[in-house]
Every structure is written in structure tokens, then in C-alpha cells.
């Protein structure tokens, strides 16, 4: 008789020295424990390779998966396994906004923007940033793209004014759009 196995889901976070085979090692370890790699965000940064992976597997294999992944520390891969508490999706009470930021790199850009969002209960759901040299000079430019959820009652005009103030103070361009 066929039986339905109860599935569980984990978020696996990892970091290690960037090298060929690191993703293969992780995927083989997950697969060997009956895990299914559902989605991930992986990136190379400053000689390190790090990421987040959402994995599902039979609940009966969860302890074995956690132990097998933590054993990767011997291979120079630091891993943390966290159980998922549920799927998160955009609430009916929020709407998605996107910020793009470009300007001379300086300390505090992320802090200022994150503070402006946080105080308005705006939740960052995805952020990517990097620094690159300007095309015609040696000046470093900061680039960022932020997707966030703003409460429906959030005042877009007031947020835009605040971001304009930050842009002027930090000498960056901040473009706010609501799809």
C-alpha cells in the first residue's frame, strides 16, 4: 500500500571560499538525504560564495539532512539550517515598489534608505547592490535595486519626498516606481 510521506521545508544558508564544486557538494548532500532543491539565491562576493537554498524533504529525513549539511564544515563550508515556518507572499494589505539607486559610493547610503523604509513599515523583500568604477573616471559608483512591500495606506508622495531628501544629502539618484 502506498503511503504519503509528510514533507518539511528548510532554508539552508551557507558560505565558503569560492571554488569549483561547492554547489555540487551542497546539491549532492541535499539529494543524498532525499532533499529536493526548490529555489535558491547564490552569489560570489569578495572571494566567498554564499547563498540561501529552500529545500523540501520527508520529515523523517530532516535530522539526517541537518547533520549532513553541518558536517560540510570540515570541507570549509559553514552551513546553517532553519525550518520554514510557512510560505510568505505579498499581503493583500501591501503593494510592491522598486527603488533603483545610483551615485558616488559613500558610507551610509544603505543605512539611510533602509531607515526610511523601516520607519514606514516597508518590508524589503529583495535587494541587490554593487560598486563599480565610473566609465570616465576612477570614482566608484554605488548601484542598488530594492524590491519592497509598502502598506496600501502608505503615502507614496511622502515616501518619494523623503527619498528625494536622502538622494540630495547623499548625492545619489533614487528612482521609485510602483508596478
Foldseek 3Di string as FASTA:
>chain_A
DDDDFDKFKKKKKKKFFDDPPPVVLLVVLQVVLAKDFDDKDWDDDPRMIIIITMIMGGPVSVVVSQVSVCVCVVVGMHMDIGTDPDDDDADPQWFKKKKKKKDFDDPDLCVQLVVLCVVQVKAWDDKDKDWDADPPDRTIMIIMMTMIIGGPPGDPVVSVVSVVVSCVVVVMDMDMDGD
